[in-house]
Amino acid sequence: MVRLIYQGGPFRYDKDGSVFGNRERILPAKNRGYYREYTVRTPGERSRGARRIVCGGFIPTTPDACYYTDDHYASFRRIAQ
């Protein structure tokens, strides 16, 4: 999935690449539009599921940092780049 983010897609879901508001305030505070979210497919799940990658940066194909959540934004782990 991270490779697709750097390539600019194509993404499976329409919501992929949409602005992530960071309403949970778990990620570092940034201006609106800084974070974008992407779906990580969950085997056996028909919907988008709970797994996401959220990347920060104003150029989507060159993010400053990316984070993984498997619990729908309750916690995040930074992805080493």
PDB file of N, CA and C in Angstrom:
ATOM      1  N   MET A   1       0.811  -1.191   0.000  1.00  0.00           N
ATOM      2  CA  MET A   1       0.000   0.000   0.000  1.00  0.00           C
ATOM      3  C   MET A   1       0.858   1.260   0.000  1.00  0.00           C
ATOM      4  N   VAL A   2       1.928   1.278   0.770  1.00  0.00           N
ATOM      5  CA  VAL A   2       2.787   2.465   0.820  1.00  0.00           C
ATOM      6  C   VAL A   2       3.348   2.758  -0.573  1.00  0.00           C
ATOM      7  N   ARG A   3       3.696   1.739  -1.309  1.00  0.00           N
ATOM      8  CA  ARG A   3       4.202   1.925  -2.676  1.00  0.00           C
ATOM      9  C   ARG A   3       3.153   2.624  -3.543  1.00  0.00           C
ATOM     10  N   LEU A   4       1.890   2.223  -3.404  1.00  0.00           N
ATOM     11  CA  LEU A   4       0.818   2.875  -4.162  1.00  0.00           C
ATOM     12  C   LEU A   4       0.670   4.347  -3.790  1.00  0.00           C
ATOM     13  N   ILE A   5       0.856   4.657  -2.521  1.00  0.00           N
ATOM     14  CA  ILE A   5       0.770   6.049  -2.075  1.00  0.00           C
ATOM     15  C   ILE A   5       1.836   6.881  -2.778  1.00  0.00           C
ATOM     16  N   TYR A   6       3.051   6.385  -2.827  1.00  0.00           N
ATOM     17  CA  TYR A   6       4.139   7.101  -3.497  1.00  0.00           C
ATOM     18  C   TYR A   6       3.924   7.197  -5.011  1.00  0.00           C
ATOM     19  N   GLN A   7       3.193   6.243  -5.566  1.00  0.00           N
ATOM     20  CA  GLN A   7       2.898   6.251  -7.004  1.00  0.00           C
ATOM     21  C   GLN A   7       1.671   7.099  -7.330  1.00  0.00           C
ATOM     22  N   GLY A   8       0.898   7.459  -6.311  1.00  0.00           N
ATOM     23  CA  GLY A   8      -0.323   8.213  -6.553  1.00  0.00           C
ATOM     24  C   GLY A   8      -1.498   7.352  -6.972  1.00  0.00           C
ATOM     25  N   GLY A   9      -1.426   6.040  -6.685  1.00  0.00           N
ATOM     26  CA  GLY A   9      -2.524   5.131  -6.985  1.00  0.00           C
ATOM     27  C   GLY A   9      -2.159   4.168  -8.087  1.00  0.00           C
ATOM     28  N   PRO A  10      -3.117   3.444  -8.591  1.00  0.00           N
ATOM     29  CA  PRO A  10      -4.559   3.564  -8.367  1.00  0.00           C
ATOM     30  C   PRO A  10      -4.970   2.948  -7.032  1.00  0.00           C
ATOM     31  N   PHE A  11      -6.008   3.511  -6.444  1.00  0.00           N
ATOM     32  CA  PHE A  11      -6.505   3.054  -5.157  1.00  0.00           C
ATOM     33  C   PHE A  11      -7.838   2.344  -5.334  1.00  0.00           C
ATOM     34  N   ARG A  12      -8.093   1.408  -4.459  1.00  0.00           N
ATOM     35  CA  ARG A  12      -9.283   0.565  -4.537  1.00  0.00           C
ATOM     36  C   ARG A  12     -10.564   1.297  -4.147  1.00  0.00           C
ATOM     37  N   TYR A  13     -10.473   2.210  -3.198  1.00  0.00           N
ATOM     38  CA  TYR A  13     -11.665   2.875  -2.661  1.00  0.00           C
ATOM     39  C   TYR A  13     -11.654   4.362  -2.979  1.00  0.00           C
ATOM     40  N   ASP A  14     -12.836   4.909  -3.234  1.00  0.00           N
ATOM     41  CA  ASP A  14     -12.969   6.332  -3.550  1.00  0.00           C
ATOM     42  C   ASP A  14     -12.449   7.232  -2.440  1.00  0.00           C
ATOM     43  N   LYS A  15     -12.584   6.799  -1.189  1.00  0.00           N
ATOM     44  CA  LYS A  15     -12.153   7.613  -0.046  1.00  0.00           C
ATOM     45  C   LYS A  15     -10.633   7.652   0.117  1.00  0.00           C
ATOM     46  N   ASP A  16      -9.929   6.748  -0.533  1.00  0.00           N
ATOM     47  CA  ASP A  16      -8.468   6.733  -0.411  1.00  0.00           C
ATOM     48  C   ASP A  16      -7.882   8.020  -0.972  1.00  0.00           C
ATOM     49  N   GLY A  17      -7.020   8.638  -0.176  1.00  0.00           N
ATOM     50  CA  GLY A  17      -6.420   9.907  -0.557  1.00  0.00           C
ATOM     51  C   GLY A  17      -7.205  11.109  -0.064  1.00  0.00           C
ATOM     52  N   SER A  18      -8.321  10.855   0.624  1.00  0.00           N
ATOM     53  CA  SER A  18      -9.118  11.971   1.143  1.00  0.00           C
ATOM     54  C   SER A  18      -8.471  12.536   2.408  1.00  0.00           C
ATOM     55  N   VAL A  19      -8.820  13.753   2.726  1.00  0.00           N
ATOM     56  CA  VAL A  19      -8.241  14.443   3.882  1.00  0.00           C
ATOM     57  C   VAL A  19      -8.676  13.748   5.169  1.00  0.00           C
ATOM     58  N   PHE A  20      -7.721  13.500   6.032  1.00  0.00           N
ATOM     59  CA  PHE A  20      -7.960  12.947   7.370  1.00  0.00           C
ATOM     60  C   PHE A  20      -7.890  14.105   8.353  1.00  0.00           C
ATOM     61  N   GLY A  21      -8.952  14.313   9.118  1.00  0.00           N
ATOM     62  CA  GLY A  21      -9.057  15.480   9.987  1.00  0.00           C
ATOM     63  C   GLY A  21      -8.303  15.406  11.298  1.00  0.00           C
ATOM     64  N   ASN A  22      -7.822  14.247  11.704  1.00  0.00           N
ATOM     65  CA  ASN A  22      -7.090  14.087  12.970  1.00  0.00           C
ATOM     66  C   ASN A  22      -7.921  14.572  14.158  1.00  0.00           C
ATOM     67  N   ARG A  23      -9.227  14.316  14.115  1.00  0.00           N
ATOM     68  CA  ARG A  23     -10.117  14.736  15.210  1.00  0.00           C
ATOM     69  C   ARG A  23      -9.772  14.050  16.526  1.00  0.00           C
ATOM     70  N   GLU A  24      -9.168  12.874  16.435  1.00  0.00           N
ATOM     71  CA  GLU A  24      -8.778  12.139  17.645  1.00  0.00           C
ATOM     72  C   GLU A  24      -7.601  12.804  18.341  1.00  0.00           C
ATOM     73  N   ARG A  25      -6.870  13.631  17.613  1.00  0.00           N
ATOM     74  CA  ARG A  25      -5.699  14.362  18.112  1.00  0.00           C
ATOM     75  C   ARG A  25      -4.593  13.439  18.638  1.00  0.00           C
ATOM     76  N   ILE A  26      -4.473  12.293  18.010  1.00  0.00           N
ATOM     77  CA  ILE A  26      -3.406  11.362  18.388  1.00  0.00           C
ATOM     78  C   ILE A  26      -2.138  11.663  17.598  1.00  0.00           C
ATOM     79  N   LEU A  27      -2.302  12.009  16.324  1.00  0.00           N
ATOM     80  CA  LEU A  27      -1.154  12.374  15.491  1.00  0.00           C
ATOM     81  C   LEU A  27      -0.730  13.804  15.807  1.00  0.00           C
ATOM     82  N   PRO A  28       0.498  14.180  15.464  1.00  0.00           N
ATOM     83  CA  PRO A  28       0.944  15.556  15.717  1.00  0.00           C
ATOM     84  C   PRO A  28      -0.002  16.576  15.072  1.00  0.00           C
ATOM     85  N   ALA A  29      -0.258  17.664  15.772  1.00  0.00           N
ATOM     86  CA  ALA A  29      -1.167  18.705  15.283  1.00  0.00           C
ATOM     87  C   ALA A  29      -0.598  19.375  14.039  1.00  0.00           C
ATOM     88  N   LYS A  30      -1.406  19.435  13.001  1.00  0.00           N
ATOM     89  CA  LYS A  30      -1.030  20.076  11.733  1.00  0.00           C
ATOM     90  C   LYS A  30      -2.270  20.765  11.173  1.00  0.00           C
ATOM     91  N   ASN A  31      -2.071  21.648  10.210  1.00  0.00           N
ATOM     92  CA  ASN A  31      -3.187  22.323   9.554  1.00  0.00           C
ATOM     93  C   ASN A  31      -4.037  21.333   8.788  1.00  0.00           C
ATOM     94  N   ARG A  32      -5.317  21.663   8.648  1.00  0.00           N
ATOM     95  CA  ARG A  32      -6.234  20.815   7.880  1.00  0.00           C
ATOM     96  C   ARG A  32      -5.700  20.650   6.453  1.00  0.00           C
ATOM     97  N   GLY A  33      -5.785  19.427   5.965  1.00  0.00           N
ATOM     98  CA  GLY A  33      -5.296  19.113   4.633  1.00  0.00           C
ATOM     99  C   GLY A  33      -3.915  18.486   4.636  1.00  0.00           C
ATOM    100  N   TYR A  34      -3.265  18.488   5.799  1.00  0.00           N
ATOM    101  CA  TYR A  34      -1.922  17.918   5.894  1.00  0.00           C
ATOM    102  C   TYR A  34      -1.965  16.386   5.821  1.00  0.00           C
ATOM    103  N   TYR A  35      -2.947  15.775   6.490  1.00  0.00           N
ATOM    104  CA  TYR A  35      -3.043  14.312   6.537  1.00  0.00           C
ATOM    105  C   TYR A  35      -4.040  13.783   5.519  1.00  0.00           C
ATOM    106  N   ARG A  36      -3.694  12.632   4.929  1.00  0.00           N
ATOM    107  CA  ARG A  36      -4.592  11.927   4.015  1.00  0.00           C
ATOM    108  C   ARG A  36      -4.648  10.467   4.443  1.00  0.00           C
ATOM    109  N   GLU A  37      -5.808   9.843   4.234  1.00  0.00           N
ATOM    110  CA  GLU A  37      -5.987   8.457   4.671  1.00  0.00           C
ATOM    111  C   GLU A  37      -6.149   7.511   3.498  1.00  0.00           C
ATOM    112  N   TYR A  38      -5.704   6.261   3.729  1.00  0.00           N
ATOM    113  CA  TYR A  38      -5.755   5.221   2.717  1.00  0.00           C
ATOM    114  C   TYR A  38      -6.176   3.912   3.382  1.00  0.00           C
ATOM    115  N   THR A  39      -6.996   3.136   2.696  1.00  0.00           N
ATOM    116  CA  THR A  39      -7.499   1.875   3.228  1.00  0.00           C
ATOM    117  C   THR A  39      -6.466   0.773   3.061  1.00  0.00           C
ATOM    118  N   VAL A  40      -6.273   0.003   4.127  1.00  0.00           N
ATOM    119  CA  VAL A  40      -5.468  -1.217   4.058  1.00  0.00           C
ATOM    120  C   VAL A  40      -6.465  -2.367   4.077  1.00  0.00           C
ATOM    121  N   ARG A  41      -6.477  -3.137   3.032  1.00  0.00           N
ATOM    122  CA  ARG A  41      -7.452  -4.217   2.889  1.00  0.00           C
ATOM    123  C   ARG A  41      -7.341  -5.203   4.047  1.00  0.00           C
ATOM    124  N   THR A  42      -8.499  -5.601   4.557  1.00  0.00           N
ATOM    125  CA  THR A  42      -8.589  -6.591   5.619  1.00  0.00           C
ATOM    126  C   THR A  42      -9.139  -7.874   5.009  1.00  0.00           C
ATOM    127  N   PRO A  43      -8.373  -8.968   5.008  1.00  0.00           N
ATOM    128  CA  PRO A  43      -8.861 -10.222   4.432  1.00  0.00           C
ATOM    129  C   PRO A  43     -10.192 -10.638   5.065  1.00  0.00           C
ATOM    130  N   GLY A  44     -11.140 -11.022   4.214  1.00  0.00           N
ATOM    131  CA  GLY A  44     -12.441 -11.477   4.688  1.00  0.00           C
ATOM    132  C   GLY A  44     -13.430 -10.361   4.985  1.00  0.00           C
ATOM    133  N   GLU A  45     -13.008  -9.123   4.920  1.00  0.00           N
ATOM    134  CA  GLU A  45     -13.875  -7.974   5.213  1.00  0.00           C
ATOM    135  C   GLU A  45     -14.492  -7.470   3.917  1.00  0.00           C
ATOM    136  N   ARG A  46     -15.801  -7.284   3.896  1.00  0.00           N
ATOM    137  CA  ARG A  46     -16.476  -6.788   2.694  1.00  0.00           C
ATOM    138  C   ARG A  46     -16.414  -5.276   2.579  1.00  0.00           C
ATOM    139  N   SER A  47     -16.423  -4.598   3.715  1.00  0.00           N
ATOM    140  CA  SER A  47     -16.342  -3.136   3.705  1.00  0.00           C
ATOM    141  C   SER A  47     -14.879  -2.719   3.770  1.00  0.00           C
ATOM    142  N   ARG A  48     -14.643  -1.444   3.992  1.00  0.00           N
ATOM    143  CA  ARG A  48     -13.270  -0.948   4.092  1.00  0.00           C
ATOM    144  C   ARG A  48     -12.580  -1.462   5.350  1.00  0.00           C
ATOM    145  N   GLY A  49     -13.306  -1.892   6.331  1.00  0.00           N
ATOM    146  CA  GLY A  49     -12.701  -2.392   7.561  1.00  0.00           C
ATOM    147  C   GLY A  49     -12.102  -1.279   8.390  1.00  0.00           C
ATOM    148  N   ALA A  50     -11.261  -1.632   9.355  1.00  0.00           N
ATOM    149  CA  ALA A  50     -10.709  -0.672  10.313  1.00  0.00           C
ATOM    150  C   ALA A  50      -9.268  -0.276  10.020  1.00  0.00           C
ATOM    151  N   ARG A  51      -8.603  -0.967   9.134  1.00  0.00           N
ATOM    152  CA  ARG A  51      -7.181  -0.714   8.884  1.00  0.00           C
ATOM    153  C   ARG A  51      -6.985   0.467   7.943  1.00  0.00           C
ATOM    154  N   ARG A  52      -6.073   1.373   8.329  1.00  0.00           N
ATOM    155  CA  ARG A  52      -5.767   2.530   7.497  1.00  0.00           C
ATOM    156  C   ARG A  52      -4.290   2.893   7.594  1.00  0.00           C
ATOM    157  N   ILE A  53      -3.816   3.551   6.563  1.00  0.00           N
ATOM    158  CA  ILE A  53      -2.551   4.266   6.614  1.00  0.00           C
ATOM    159  C   ILE A  53      -2.901   5.731   6.474  1.00  0.00           C
ATOM    160  N   VAL A  54      -2.360   6.535   7.360  1.00  0.00           N
ATOM    161  CA  VAL A  54      -2.549   7.986   7.299  1.00  0.00           C
ATOM    162  C   VAL A  54      -1.179   8.601   7.076  1.00  0.00           C
ATOM    163  N   CYS A  55      -1.059   9.385   6.003  1.00  0.00           N
ATOM    164  CA  CYS A  55       0.214  10.025   5.676  1.00  0.00           C
ATOM    165  C   CYS A  55       0.084  11.536   5.786  1.00  0.00           C
ATOM    166  N   GLY A  56       1.144  12.155   6.256  1.00  0.00           N
ATOM    167  CA  GLY A  56       1.168  13.602   6.396  1.00  0.00           C
ATOM    168  C   GLY A  56       2.129  14.243   5.427  1.00  0.00           C
ATOM    169  N   GLY A  57       1.710  15.369   4.899  1.00  0.00           N
ATOM    170  CA  GLY A  57       2.528  16.119   3.951  1.00  0.00           C
ATOM    171  C   GLY A  57       1.612  16.816   2.968  1.00  0.00           C
ATOM    172  N   PHE A  58       2.067  17.895   2.394  1.00  0.00           N
ATOM    173  CA  PHE A  58       1.215  18.636   1.481  1.00  0.00           C
ATOM    174  C   PHE A  58       1.316  18.158   0.037  1.00  0.00           C
ATOM    175  N   ILE A  59       2.277  17.266  -0.244  1.00  0.00           N
ATOM    176  CA  ILE A  59       2.363  16.625  -1.557  1.00  0.00           C
ATOM    177  C   ILE A  59       2.094  15.141  -1.318  1.00  0.00           C
ATOM    178  N   PRO A  60       0.910  14.648  -1.701  1.00  0.00           N
ATOM    179  CA  PRO A  60       0.524  13.278  -1.354  1.00  0.00           C
ATOM    180  C   PRO A  60       1.497  12.189  -1.784  1.00  0.00           C
ATOM    181  N   THR A  61       2.211  12.378  -2.877  1.00  0.00           N
ATOM    182  CA  THR A  61       3.129  11.331  -3.343  1.00  0.00           C
ATOM    183  C   THR A  61       4.511  11.403  -2.688  1.00  0.00           C
ATOM    184  N   THR A  62       4.746  12.406  -1.863  1.00  0.00           N
ATOM    185  CA  THR A  62       6.000  12.488  -1.106  1.00  0.00           C
ATOM    186  C   THR A  62       5.680  12.864   0.341  1.00  0.00           C
ATOM    187  N   PRO A  63       5.039  11.937   1.072  1.00  0.00           N
ATOM    188  CA  PRO A  63       4.654  12.248   2.450  1.00  0.00           C
ATOM    189  C   PRO A  63       5.857  12.452   3.367  1.00  0.00           C
ATOM    190  N   ASP A  64       5.656  13.297   4.373  1.00  0.00           N
ATOM    191  CA  ASP A  64       6.674  13.519   5.407  1.00  0.00           C
ATOM    192  C   ASP A  64       6.755  12.323   6.349  1.00  0.00           C
ATOM    193  N   ALA A  65       5.598  11.737   6.656  1.00  0.00           N
ATOM    194  CA  ALA A  65       5.522  10.596   7.564  1.00  0.00           C
ATOM    195  C   ALA A  65       4.219   9.863   7.322  1.00  0.00           C
ATOM    196  N   CYS A  66       4.232   8.543   7.547  1.00  0.00           N
ATOM    197  CA  CYS A  66       3.022   7.727   7.426  1.00  0.00           C
ATOM    198  C   CYS A  66       2.841   6.925   8.706  1.00  0.00           C
ATOM    199  N   TYR A  67       1.571   6.679   9.044  1.00  0.00           N
ATOM    200  CA  TYR A  67       1.199   5.980  10.265  1.00  0.00           C
ATOM    201  C   TYR A  67       0.181   4.899   9.932  1.00  0.00           C
ATOM    202  N   TYR A  68       0.244   3.798  10.659  1.00  0.00           N
ATOM    203  CA  TYR A  68      -0.684   2.678  10.469  1.00  0.00           C
ATOM    204  C   TYR A  68      -1.595   2.566  11.674  1.00  0.00           C
ATOM    205  N   THR A  69      -2.878   2.311  11.418  1.00  0.00           N
ATOM    206  CA  THR A  69      -3.828   2.004  12.482  1.00  0.00           C
ATOM    207  C   THR A  69      -4.613   0.765  12.084  1.00  0.00           C
ATOM    208  N   ASP A  70      -4.805  -0.146  13.013  1.00  0.00           N
ATOM    209  CA  ASP A  70      -5.639  -1.317  12.736  1.00  0.00           C
ATOM    210  C   ASP A  70      -6.899  -1.300  13.582  1.00  0.00           C
ATOM    211  N   ASP A  71      -7.112  -0.180  14.300  1.00  0.00           N
ATOM    212  CA  ASP A  71      -8.281  -0.067  15.173  1.00  0.00           C
ATOM    213  C   ASP A  71      -9.089   1.209  14.894  1.00  0.00           C
ATOM    214  N   HIS A  72      -9.129   1.588  13.630  1.00  0.00           N
ATOM    215  CA  HIS A  72      -9.922   2.726  13.146  1.00  0.00           C
ATOM    216  C   HIS A  72      -9.641   3.999  13.925  1.00  0.00           C
ATOM    217  N   TYR A  73      -8.377   4.383  13.958  1.00  0.00           N
ATOM    218  CA  TYR A  73      -7.881   5.650  14.486  1.00  0.00           C
ATOM    219  C   TYR A  73      -7.781   5.734  16.019  1.00  0.00           C
ATOM    220  N   ALA A  74      -7.942   4.627  16.719  1.00  0.00           N
ATOM    221  CA  ALA A  74      -7.796   4.664  18.180  1.00  0.00           C
ATOM    222  C   ALA A  74      -6.323   4.713  18.580  1.00  0.00           C
ATOM    223  N   SER A  75      -5.452   4.170  17.730  1.00  0.00           N
ATOM    224  CA  SER A  75      -4.006   4.214  17.977  1.00  0.00           C
ATOM    225  C   SER A  75      -3.284   4.196  16.640  1.00  0.00           C
ATOM    226  N   PHE A  76      -2.049   4.668  16.646  1.00  0.00           N
ATOM    227  CA  PHE A  76      -1.242   4.727  15.426  1.00  0.00           C
ATOM    228  C   PHE A  76       0.180   4.273  15.724  1.00  0.00           C
ATOM    229  N   ARG A  77       0.804   3.655  14.715  1.00  0.00           N
ATOM    230  CA  ARG A  77       2.238   3.329  14.766  1.00  0.00           C
ATOM    231  C   ARG A  77       2.882   3.960  13.545  1.00  0.00           C
ATOM    232  N   ARG A  78       3.984   4.639  13.747  1.00  0.00           N
ATOM    233  CA  ARG A  78       4.674   5.254  12.621  1.00  0.00           C
ATOM    234  C   ARG A  78       5.312   4.177  11.752  1.00  0.00           C
ATOM    235  N   ILE A  79       5.216   4.339  10.464  1.00  0.00           N
ATOM    236  CA  ILE A  79       5.795   3.404   9.500  1.00  0.00           C
ATOM    237  C   ILE A  79       7.202   3.900   9.170  1.00  0.00           C
ATOM    238  N   ALA A  80       8.180   3.037   9.346  1.00  0.00           N
ATOM    239  CA  ALA A  80       9.567   3.397   9.011  1.00  0.00           C
ATOM    240  C   ALA A  80       9.674   3.595   7.509  1.00  0.00           C
ATOM    241  N   GLN A  81      10.384   4.660   7.104  1.00  0.00           N
ATOM    242  CA  GLN A  81      10.534   4.937   5.678  1.00  0.00           C
ATOM    243  C   GLN A  81      11.987   5.029   5.309  1.00  0.00           C
TER     244      GLN A  81
END
